[in-house]
């Protein structure tokens, strides 16, 4: 996979919450990128060990190991091979 070209991040504060939208342009087949974002054996190669159940409301669990950060979330938007959205909170957030 080629190095992604990252778009500027956008942040919006709503009360005590902050929404961050991140984007990257990746010169690769959509099927390969989707697999890297969703399949545990590939997800660990670029982000962290974990699993994502691909359905609305499905559980998301990412474990960043030595840092002590574990992300427990749920899928909030899903369009296969197009959109994957879930929250990203760490301990004490």
PDB file of N, CA and C in Angstrom:
ATOM      1  N   UNK A   1       0.835  -1.171   0.000  1.00  0.00           N
ATOM      2  CA  UNK A   1       0.000   0.000   0.000  1.00  0.00           C
ATOM      3  C   UNK A   1       0.885   1.241   0.000  1.00  0.00           C
ATOM      4  N   UNK A   2       0.521   2.218  -0.775  1.00  0.00           N
ATOM      5  CA  UNK A   2       1.275   3.458  -0.830  1.00  0.00           C
ATOM      6  C   UNK A   2       1.013   4.301   0.413  1.00  0.00           C
ATOM      7  N   UNK A   3       1.901   5.258   0.665  1.00  0.00           N
ATOM      8  CA  UNK A   3       1.713   6.176   1.786  1.00  0.00           C
ATOM      9  C   UNK A   3       0.485   7.043   1.524  1.00  0.00           C
ATOM     10  N   UNK A   4      -0.401   7.177   2.526  1.00  0.00           N
ATOM     11  CA  UNK A   4      -1.591   8.007   2.320  1.00  0.00           C
ATOM     12  C   UNK A   4      -1.247   9.486   2.306  1.00  0.00           C
ATOM     13  N   UNK A   5      -2.086  10.245   1.625  1.00  0.00           N
ATOM     14  CA  UNK A   5      -1.991  11.703   1.630  1.00  0.00           C
ATOM     15  C   UNK A   5      -3.092  12.192   2.578  1.00  0.00           C
ATOM     16  N   UNK A   6      -2.699  12.719   3.739  1.00  0.00           N
ATOM     17  CA  UNK A   6      -3.662  13.097   4.753  1.00  0.00           C
ATOM     18  C   UNK A   6      -4.258  14.467   4.479  1.00  0.00           C
ATOM     19  N   UNK A   7      -5.564  14.562   4.677  1.00  0.00           N
ATOM     20  CA  UNK A   7      -6.270  15.828   4.584  1.00  0.00           C
ATOM     21  C   UNK A   7      -6.228  16.493   5.957  1.00  0.00           C
ATOM     22  N   UNK A   8      -6.373  17.817   6.013  1.00  0.00           N
ATOM     23  CA  UNK A   8      -6.389  18.485   7.320  1.00  0.00           C
ATOM     24  C   UNK A   8      -7.538  17.957   8.187  1.00  0.00           C
ATOM     25  N   UNK A   9      -7.283  17.802   9.465  1.00  0.00           N
ATOM     26  CA  UNK A   9      -8.319  17.357  10.404  1.00  0.00           C
ATOM     27  C   UNK A   9      -9.264  18.517  10.703  1.00  0.00           C
ATOM     28  N   UNK A  10     -10.504  18.182  10.966  1.00  0.00           N
ATOM     29  CA  UNK A  10     -11.513  19.176  11.332  1.00  0.00           C
ATOM     30  C   UNK A  10     -12.039  18.814  12.716  1.00  0.00           C
ATOM     31  N   UNK A  11     -12.086  19.796  13.619  1.00  0.00           N
ATOM     32  CA  UNK A  11     -12.545  19.577  14.984  1.00  0.00           C
ATOM     33  C   UNK A  11     -13.743  20.470  15.265  1.00  0.00           C
ATOM     34  N   UNK A  12     -14.762  19.896  15.915  1.00  0.00           N
ATOM     35  CA  UNK A  12     -15.952  20.642  16.309  1.00  0.00           C
ATOM     36  C   UNK A  12     -16.256  20.289  17.759  1.00  0.00           C
ATOM     37  N   UNK A  13     -16.390  21.315  18.596  1.00  0.00           N
ATOM     38  CA  UNK A  13     -16.733  21.100  20.004  1.00  0.00           C
ATOM     39  C   UNK A  13     -18.239  21.254  20.166  1.00  0.00           C
ATOM     40  N   UNK A  14     -18.848  20.276  20.840  1.00  0.00           N
ATOM     41  CA  UNK A  14     -20.264  20.330  21.188  1.00  0.00           C
ATOM     42  C   UNK A  14     -20.365  20.055  22.676  1.00  0.00           C
ATOM     43  N   UNK A  15     -20.511  21.106  23.472  1.00  0.00           N
ATOM     44  CA  UNK A  15     -20.534  20.945  24.921  1.00  0.00           C
ATOM     45  C   UNK A  15     -19.190  20.443  25.402  1.00  0.00           C
ATOM     46  N   UNK A  16     -19.198  19.313  26.103  1.00  0.00           N
ATOM     47  CA  UNK A  16     -17.962  18.714  26.611  1.00  0.00           C
ATOM     48  C   UNK A  16     -17.301  17.768  25.612  1.00  0.00           C
ATOM     49  N   UNK A  17     -17.961  17.525  24.479  1.00  0.00           N
ATOM     50  CA  UNK A  17     -17.441  16.571  23.496  1.00  0.00           C
ATOM     51  C   UNK A  17     -16.739  17.300  22.346  1.00  0.00           C
ATOM     52  N   UNK A  18     -15.755  16.637  21.776  1.00  0.00           N
ATOM     53  CA  UNK A  18     -15.074  17.144  20.589  1.00  0.00           C
ATOM     54  C   UNK A  18     -15.177  16.083  19.505  1.00  0.00           C
ATOM     55  N   UNK A  19     -15.654  16.505  18.329  1.00  0.00           N
ATOM     56  CA  UNK A  19     -15.710  15.601  17.184  1.00  0.00           C
ATOM     57  C   UNK A  19     -14.529  15.920  16.290  1.00  0.00           C
ATOM     58  N   UNK A  20     -13.781  14.884  15.909  1.00  0.00           N
ATOM     59  CA  UNK A  20     -12.653  15.045  14.988  1.00  0.00           C
ATOM     60  C   UNK A  20     -12.959  14.244  13.731  1.00  0.00           C
ATOM     61  N   UNK A  21     -12.787  14.873  12.599  1.00  0.00           N
ATOM     62  CA  UNK A  21     -12.941  14.183  11.316  1.00  0.00           C
ATOM     63  C   UNK A  21     -11.591  14.178  10.633  1.00  0.00           C
ATOM     64  N   UNK A  22     -11.135  12.977  10.324  1.00  0.00           N
ATOM     65  CA  UNK A  22      -9.836  12.787   9.700  1.00  0.00           C
ATOM     66  C   UNK A  22     -10.044  12.137   8.344  1.00  0.00           C
ATOM     67  N   UNK A  23      -9.234  12.514   7.384  1.00  0.00           N
ATOM     68  CA  UNK A  23      -9.348  11.930   6.057  1.00  0.00           C
ATOM     69  C   UNK A  23      -7.981  11.664   5.460  1.00  0.00           C
ATOM     70  N   UNK A  24      -7.931  10.674   4.595  1.00  0.00           N
ATOM     71  CA  UNK A  24      -6.688  10.352   3.902  1.00  0.00           C
ATOM     72  C   UNK A  24      -7.028   9.832   2.506  1.00  0.00           C
ATOM     73  N   UNK A  25      -6.237  10.243   1.539  1.00  0.00           N
ATOM     74  CA  UNK A  25      -6.352   9.719   0.186  1.00  0.00           C
ATOM     75  C   UNK A  25      -5.324   8.607   0.042  1.00  0.00           C
ATOM     76  N   UNK A  26      -5.791   7.421  -0.321  1.00  0.00           N
ATOM     77  CA  UNK A  26      -4.918   6.251  -0.411  1.00  0.00           C
ATOM     78  C   UNK A  26      -5.045   5.672  -1.812  1.00  0.00           C
ATOM     79  N   UNK A  27      -3.936   5.559  -2.495  1.00  0.00           N
ATOM     80  CA  UNK A  27      -3.926   5.035  -3.859  1.00  0.00           C
ATOM     81  C   UNK A  27      -3.874   3.505  -3.803  1.00  0.00           C
ATOM     82  N   UNK A  28      -5.043   2.907  -3.588  1.00  0.00           N
ATOM     83  CA  UNK A  28      -5.147   1.453  -3.449  1.00  0.00           C
ATOM     84  C   UNK A  28      -6.596   1.072  -3.731  1.00  0.00           C
ATOM     85  N   UNK A  29      -6.826  -0.179  -4.064  1.00  0.00           N
ATOM     86  CA  UNK A  29      -8.177  -0.672  -4.293  1.00  0.00           C
ATOM     87  C   UNK A  29      -8.996  -0.554  -3.020  1.00  0.00           C
ATOM     88  N   UNK A  30     -10.245  -0.121  -3.152  1.00  0.00           N
ATOM     89  CA  UNK A  30     -11.108   0.093  -1.996  1.00  0.00           C
ATOM     90  C   UNK A  30     -11.255  -1.178  -1.150  1.00  0.00           C
ATOM     91  N   UNK A  31     -11.263  -2.342  -1.779  1.00  0.00           N
ATOM     92  CA  UNK A  31     -11.408  -3.591  -1.038  1.00  0.00           C
ATOM     93  C   UNK A  31     -10.237  -3.809  -0.076  1.00  0.00           C
ATOM     94  N   UNK A  32      -9.034  -3.465  -0.511  1.00  0.00           N
ATOM     95  CA  UNK A  32      -7.841  -3.638   0.345  1.00  0.00           C
ATOM     96  C   UNK A  32      -7.834  -2.642   1.495  1.00  0.00           C
ATOM     97  N   UNK A  33      -8.241  -1.408   1.222  1.00  0.00           N
ATOM     98  CA  UNK A  33      -8.293  -0.398   2.281  1.00  0.00           C
ATOM     99  C   UNK A  33      -9.364  -0.782   3.298  1.00  0.00           C
ATOM    100  N   UNK A  34     -10.542  -1.197   2.841  1.00  0.00           N
ATOM    101  CA  UNK A  34     -11.618  -1.601   3.741  1.00  0.00           C
ATOM    102  C   UNK A  34     -11.167  -2.770   4.614  1.00  0.00           C
ATOM    103  N   UNK A  35     -10.486  -3.721   4.030  1.00  0.00           N
ATOM    104  CA  UNK A  35      -9.987  -4.861   4.810  1.00  0.00           C
ATOM    105  C   UNK A  35      -9.015  -4.394   5.890  1.00  0.00           C
ATOM    106  N   UNK A  36      -8.131  -3.453   5.566  1.00  0.00           N
ATOM    107  CA  UNK A  36      -7.171  -2.938   6.553  1.00  0.00           C
ATOM    108  C   UNK A  36      -7.876  -2.223   7.696  1.00  0.00           C
ATOM    109  N   UNK A  37      -9.021  -1.622   7.427  1.00  0.00           N
ATOM    110  CA  UNK A  37      -9.778  -0.902   8.459  1.00  0.00           C
ATOM    111  C   UNK A  37     -10.656  -1.810   9.308  1.00  0.00           C
ATOM    112  N   UNK A  38     -10.954  -3.011   8.818  1.00  0.00           N
ATOM    113  CA  UNK A  38     -11.989  -3.818   9.471  1.00  0.00           C
ATOM    114  C   UNK A  38     -11.587  -5.234   9.859  1.00  0.00           C
ATOM    115  N   UNK A  39     -10.577  -5.807   9.245  1.00  0.00           N
ATOM    116  CA  UNK A  39     -10.207  -7.195   9.537  1.00  0.00           C
ATOM    117  C   UNK A  39      -9.121  -7.230  10.608  1.00  0.00           C
ATOM    118  N   UNK A  40      -9.365  -7.973  11.712  1.00  0.00           N
ATOM    119  CA  UNK A  40      -8.425  -7.965  12.836  1.00  0.00           C
ATOM    120  C   UNK A  40      -6.974  -8.243  12.467  1.00  0.00           C
ATOM    121  N   UNK A  41      -6.714  -9.192  11.561  1.00  0.00           N
ATOM    122  CA  UNK A  41      -5.325  -9.517  11.221  1.00  0.00           C
ATOM    123  C   UNK A  41      -4.640  -8.403  10.444  1.00  0.00           C
ATOM    124  N   UNK A  42      -5.395  -7.533   9.791  1.00  0.00           N
ATOM    125  CA  UNK A  42      -4.819  -6.391   9.079  1.00  0.00           C
ATOM    126  C   UNK A  42      -4.871  -5.113   9.921  1.00  0.00           C
ATOM    127  N   UNK A  43      -5.921  -4.964  10.719  1.00  0.00           N
ATOM    128  CA  UNK A  43      -6.074  -3.803  11.592  1.00  0.00           C
ATOM    129  C   UNK A  43      -4.877  -3.656  12.527  1.00  0.00           C
ATOM    130  N   UNK A  44      -4.397  -4.752  13.050  1.00  0.00           N
ATOM    131  CA  UNK A  44      -3.259  -4.724  13.973  1.00  0.00           C
ATOM    132  C   UNK A  44      -1.988  -4.218  13.296  1.00  0.00           C
ATOM    133  N   UNK A  45      -1.887  -4.362  11.979  1.00  0.00           N
ATOM    134  CA  UNK A  45      -0.676  -3.954  11.269  1.00  0.00           C
ATOM    135  C   UNK A  45      -0.539  -2.440  11.155  1.00  0.00           C
ATOM    136  N   UNK A  46      -1.644  -1.697  11.225  1.00  0.00           N
ATOM    137  CA  UNK A  46      -1.528  -0.250  11.054  1.00  0.00           C
ATOM    138  C   UNK A  46      -2.075   0.552  12.227  1.00  0.00           C
ATOM    139  N   UNK A  47      -2.885  -0.084  13.103  1.00  0.00           N
ATOM    140  CA  UNK A  47      -3.475   0.686  14.188  1.00  0.00           C
ATOM    141  C   UNK A  47      -3.240   0.021  15.533  1.00  0.00           C
ATOM    142  N   UNK A  48      -3.946  -1.070  15.801  1.00  0.00           N
ATOM    143  CA  UNK A  48      -3.839  -1.756  17.093  1.00  0.00           C
ATOM    144  C   UNK A  48      -4.583  -3.074  16.999  1.00  0.00           C
ATOM    145  N   UNK A  49      -4.263  -4.011  17.892  1.00  0.00           N
ATOM    146  CA  UNK A  49      -5.064  -5.233  17.944  1.00  0.00           C
ATOM    147  C   UNK A  49      -6.502  -4.873  18.301  1.00  0.00           C
ATOM    148  N   UNK A  50      -7.437  -5.533  17.659  1.00  0.00           N
ATOM    149  CA  UNK A  50      -8.827  -5.258  17.992  1.00  0.00           C
ATOM    150  C   UNK A  50      -9.786  -5.925  17.047  1.00  0.00           C
ATOM    151  N   UNK A  51     -11.052  -5.576  17.241  1.00  0.00           N
ATOM    152  CA  UNK A  51     -12.102  -6.129  16.381  1.00  0.00           C
ATOM    153  C   UNK A  51     -13.205  -5.098  16.242  1.00  0.00           C
ATOM    154  N   UNK A  52     -13.867  -5.145  15.103  1.00  0.00           N
ATOM    155  CA  UNK A  52     -14.987  -4.259  14.810  1.00  0.00           C
ATOM    156  C   UNK A  52     -16.089  -5.129  14.217  1.00  0.00           C
ATOM    157  N   UNK A  53     -17.246  -5.142  14.875  1.00  0.00           N
ATOM    158  CA  UNK A  53     -18.384  -5.889  14.346  1.00  0.00           C
ATOM    159  C   UNK A  53     -19.132  -4.977  13.377  1.00  0.00           C
ATOM    160  N   UNK A  54     -19.104  -5.337  12.109  1.00  0.00           N
ATOM    161  CA  UNK A  54     -19.594  -4.469  11.040  1.00  0.00           C
ATOM    162  C   UNK A  54     -21.109  -4.501  10.909  1.00  0.00           C
ATOM    163  N   UNK A  55     -21.753  -3.795  11.850  1.00  0.00           N
ATOM    164  CA  UNK A  55     -23.196  -3.560  11.818  1.00  0.00           C
ATOM    165  C   UNK A  55     -23.458  -2.322  12.660  1.00  0.00           C
ATOM    166  N   UNK A  56     -24.512  -1.610  12.385  1.00  0.00           N
ATOM    167  CA  UNK A  56     -24.862  -0.448  13.190  1.00  0.00           C
ATOM    168  C   UNK A  56     -25.022  -0.891  14.641  1.00  0.00           C
ATOM    169  N   UNK A  57     -24.366  -0.193  15.540  1.00  0.00           N
ATOM    170  CA  UNK A  57     -24.405  -0.552  16.953  1.00  0.00           C
ATOM    171  C   UNK A  57     -23.455  -1.668  17.327  1.00  0.00           C
ATOM    172  N   UNK A  58     -22.711  -2.202  16.349  1.00  0.00           N
ATOM    173  CA  UNK A  58     -21.762  -3.278  16.617  1.00  0.00           C
ATOM    174  C   UNK A  58     -20.621  -2.806  17.501  1.00  0.00           C
ATOM    175  N   UNK A  59     -20.085  -3.690  18.336  1.00  0.00           N
ATOM    176  CA  UNK A  59     -18.997  -3.296  19.227  1.00  0.00           C
ATOM    177  C   UNK A  59     -17.677  -3.072  18.486  1.00  0.00           C
ATOM    178  N   UNK A  60     -16.896  -2.130  19.002  1.00  0.00           N
ATOM    179  CA  UNK A  60     -15.550  -1.832  18.520  1.00  0.00           C
ATOM    180  C   UNK A  60     -14.635  -1.927  19.723  1.00  0.00           C
ATOM    181  N   UNK A  61     -13.556  -2.688  19.600  1.00  0.00           N
ATOM    182  CA  UNK A  61     -12.584  -2.791  20.687  1.00  0.00           C
ATOM    183  C   UNK A  61     -11.182  -2.731  20.090  1.00  0.00           C
ATOM    184  N   UNK A  62     -10.402  -1.745  20.537  1.00  0.00           N
ATOM    185  CA  UNK A  62      -9.008  -1.590  20.122  1.00  0.00           C
ATOM    186  C   UNK A  62      -8.168  -1.508  21.384  1.00  0.00           C
ATOM    187  N   UNK A  63      -7.080  -2.260  21.445  1.00  0.00           N
ATOM    188  CA  UNK A  63      -6.227  -2.294  22.628  1.00  0.00           C
ATOM    189  C   UNK A  63      -4.826  -1.837  22.252  1.00  0.00           C
ATOM    190  N   UNK A  64      -4.436  -0.664  22.758  1.00  0.00           N
ATOM    191  CA  UNK A  64      -3.143  -0.082  22.427  1.00  0.00           C
ATOM    192  C   UNK A  64      -2.035  -0.554  23.365  1.00  0.00           C
ATOM    193  N   UNK A  65      -2.215  -1.720  23.975  1.00  0.00           N
ATOM    194  CA  UNK A  65      -1.166  -2.409  24.721  1.00  0.00           C
ATOM    195  C   UNK A  65      -0.489  -1.619  25.812  1.00  0.00           C
ATOM    196  N   UNK A  66       0.806  -1.393  25.656  1.00  0.00           N
ATOM    197  CA  UNK A  66       1.629  -0.790  26.701  1.00  0.00           C
ATOM    198  C   UNK A  66       1.165   0.596  27.124  1.00  0.00           C
ATOM    199  N   UNK A  67       0.436   1.311  26.276  1.00  0.00           N
ATOM    200  CA  UNK A  67      -0.022   2.655  26.637  1.00  0.00           C
ATOM    201  C   UNK A  67      -1.149   2.603  27.660  1.00  0.00           C
ATOM    202  N   UNK A  68      -1.798   1.435  27.772  1.00  0.00           N
ATOM    203  CA  UNK A  68      -2.927   1.303  28.684  1.00  0.00           C
ATOM    204  C   UNK A  68      -4.238   1.793  28.106  1.00  0.00           C
ATOM    205  N   UNK A  69      -4.220   2.293  26.873  1.00  0.00           N
ATOM    206  CA  UNK A  69      -5.437   2.811  26.259  1.00  0.00           C
ATOM    207  C   UNK A  69      -6.192   1.679  25.572  1.00  0.00           C
ATOM    208  N   UNK A  70      -7.441   1.528  25.957  1.00  0.00           N
ATOM    209  CA  UNK A  70      -8.347   0.575  25.322  1.00  0.00           C
ATOM    210  C   UNK A  70      -9.562   1.363  24.857  1.00  0.00           C
ATOM    211  N   UNK A  71      -9.897   1.216  23.608  1.00  0.00           N
ATOM    212  CA  UNK A  71     -11.062   1.888  23.036  1.00  0.00           C
ATOM    213  C   UNK A  71     -12.206   0.880  22.999  1.00  0.00           C
ATOM    214  N   UNK A  72     -13.269   1.160  23.729  1.00  0.00           N
ATOM    215  CA  UNK A  72     -14.505   0.381  23.662  1.00  0.00           C
ATOM    216  C   UNK A  72     -15.573   1.313  23.128  1.00  0.00           C
ATOM    217  N   UNK A  73     -16.108   1.003  21.967  1.00  0.00           N
ATOM    218  CA  UNK A  73     -17.035   1.901  21.305  1.00  0.00           C
ATOM    219  C   UNK A  73     -18.084   1.089  20.568  1.00  0.00           C
ATOM    220  N   UNK A  74     -18.894   1.768  19.772  1.00  0.00           N
ATOM    221  CA  UNK A  74     -19.870   1.107  18.918  1.00  0.00           C
ATOM    222  C   UNK A  74     -19.860   1.767  17.539  1.00  0.00           C
ATOM    223  N   UNK A  75     -20.213   1.005  16.542  1.00  0.00           N
ATOM    224  CA  UNK A  75     -20.306   1.512  15.174  1.00  0.00           C
ATOM    225  C   UNK A  75     -21.522   2.437  15.098  1.00  0.00           C
ATOM    226  N   UNK A  76     -21.290   3.681  14.665  1.00  0.00           N
ATOM    227  CA  UNK A  76     -22.370   4.669  14.590  1.00  0.00           C
ATOM    228  C   UNK A  76     -22.747   5.041  13.157  1.00  0.00           C
ATOM    229  N   UNK A  77     -21.934   4.676  12.189  1.00  0.00           N
ATOM    230  CA  UNK A  77     -22.273   4.867  10.777  1.00  0.00           C
ATOM    231  C   UNK A  77     -21.543   3.789   9.986  1.00  0.00           C
ATOM    232  N   UNK A  78     -22.236   3.216   9.020  1.00  0.00           N
ATOM    233  CA  UNK A  78     -21.641   2.135   8.243  1.00  0.00           C
ATOM    234  C   UNK A  78     -22.240   2.092   6.849  1.00  0.00           C
ATOM    235  N   UNK A  79     -21.376   2.222   5.867  1.00  0.00           N
ATOM    236  CA  UNK A  79     -21.701   1.969   4.470  1.00  0.00           C
ATOM    237  C   UNK A  79     -20.534   1.132   3.970  1.00  0.00           C
ATOM    238  N   UNK A  80     -20.713  -0.186   3.843  1.00  0.00           N
ATOM    239  CA  UNK A  80     -19.586  -1.057   3.505  1.00  0.00           C
ATOM    240  C   UNK A  80     -18.743  -0.521   2.346  1.00  0.00           C
ATOM    241  N   UNK A  81     -17.443  -0.552   2.562  1.00  0.00           N
ATOM    242  CA  UNK A  81     -16.406  -0.107   1.632  1.00  0.00           C
ATOM    243  C   UNK A  81     -16.490   1.385   1.330  1.00  0.00           C
ATOM    244  N   UNK A  82     -17.198   2.146   2.212  1.00  0.00           N
ATOM    245  CA  UNK A  82     -17.302   3.586   1.983  1.00  0.00           C
ATOM    246  C   UNK A  82     -17.209   4.401   3.267  1.00  0.00           C
ATOM    247  N   UNK A  83     -17.961   4.027   4.312  1.00  0.00           N
ATOM    248  CA  UNK A  83     -18.017   4.787   5.563  1.00  0.00           C
ATOM    249  C   UNK A  83     -17.954   3.832   6.741  1.00  0.00           C
ATOM    250  N   UNK A  84     -17.070   4.154   7.694  1.00  0.00           N
ATOM    251  CA  UNK A  84     -17.003   3.445   8.971  1.00  0.00           C
ATOM    252  C   UNK A  84     -16.783   4.503  10.041  1.00  0.00           C
ATOM    253  N   UNK A  85     -17.701   4.582  11.005  1.00  0.00           N
ATOM    254  CA  UNK A  85     -17.605   5.600  12.050  1.00  0.00           C
ATOM    255  C   UNK A  85     -17.830   4.955  13.408  1.00  0.00           C
ATOM    256  N   UNK A  86     -16.977   5.345  14.364  1.00  0.00           N
ATOM    257  CA  UNK A  86     -17.156   4.925  15.755  1.00  0.00           C
ATOM    258  C   UNK A  86     -16.452   5.933  16.644  1.00  0.00           C
ATOM    259  N   UNK A  87     -16.832   5.973  17.907  1.00  0.00           N
ATOM    260  CA  UNK A  87     -16.238   6.900  18.851  1.00  0.00           C
ATOM    261  C   UNK A  87     -14.832   6.483  19.225  1.00  0.00           C
ATOM    262  N   UNK A  88     -14.075   7.468  19.738  1.00  0.00           N
ATOM    263  CA  UNK A  88     -12.684   7.222  20.097  1.00  0.00           C
ATOM    264  C   UNK A  88     -12.409   7.889  21.429  1.00  0.00           C
ATOM    265  N   UNK A  89     -12.669   7.181  22.503  1.00  0.00           N
ATOM    266  CA  UNK A  89     -12.436   7.703  23.838  1.00  0.00           C
ATOM    267  C   UNK A  89     -11.417   6.833  24.553  1.00  0.00           C
ATOM    268  N   UNK A  90     -10.562   7.476  25.330  1.00  0.00           N
ATOM    269  CA  UNK A  90      -9.604   6.743  26.136  1.00  0.00           C
ATOM    270  C   UNK A  90     -10.012   6.780  27.596  1.00  0.00           C
ATOM    271  N   UNK A  91      -9.201   6.219  28.474  1.00  0.00           N
ATOM    272  CA  UNK A  91      -9.515   6.221  29.898  1.00  0.00           C
ATOM    273  C   UNK A  91      -9.720   7.644  30.392  1.00  0.00           C
ATOM    274  N   UNK A  92     -10.680   7.794  31.279  1.00  0.00           N
ATOM    275  CA  UNK A  92     -10.995   9.070  31.939  1.00  0.00           C
ATOM    276  C   UNK A  92     -11.512  10.131  30.982  1.00  0.00           C
ATOM    277  N   UNK A  93     -11.932   9.761  29.771  1.00  0.00           N
ATOM    278  CA  UNK A  93     -12.508  10.734  28.835  1.00  0.00           C
ATOM    279  C   UNK A  93     -14.014  10.789  29.041  1.00  0.00           C
TER     280      UNK A  93
END
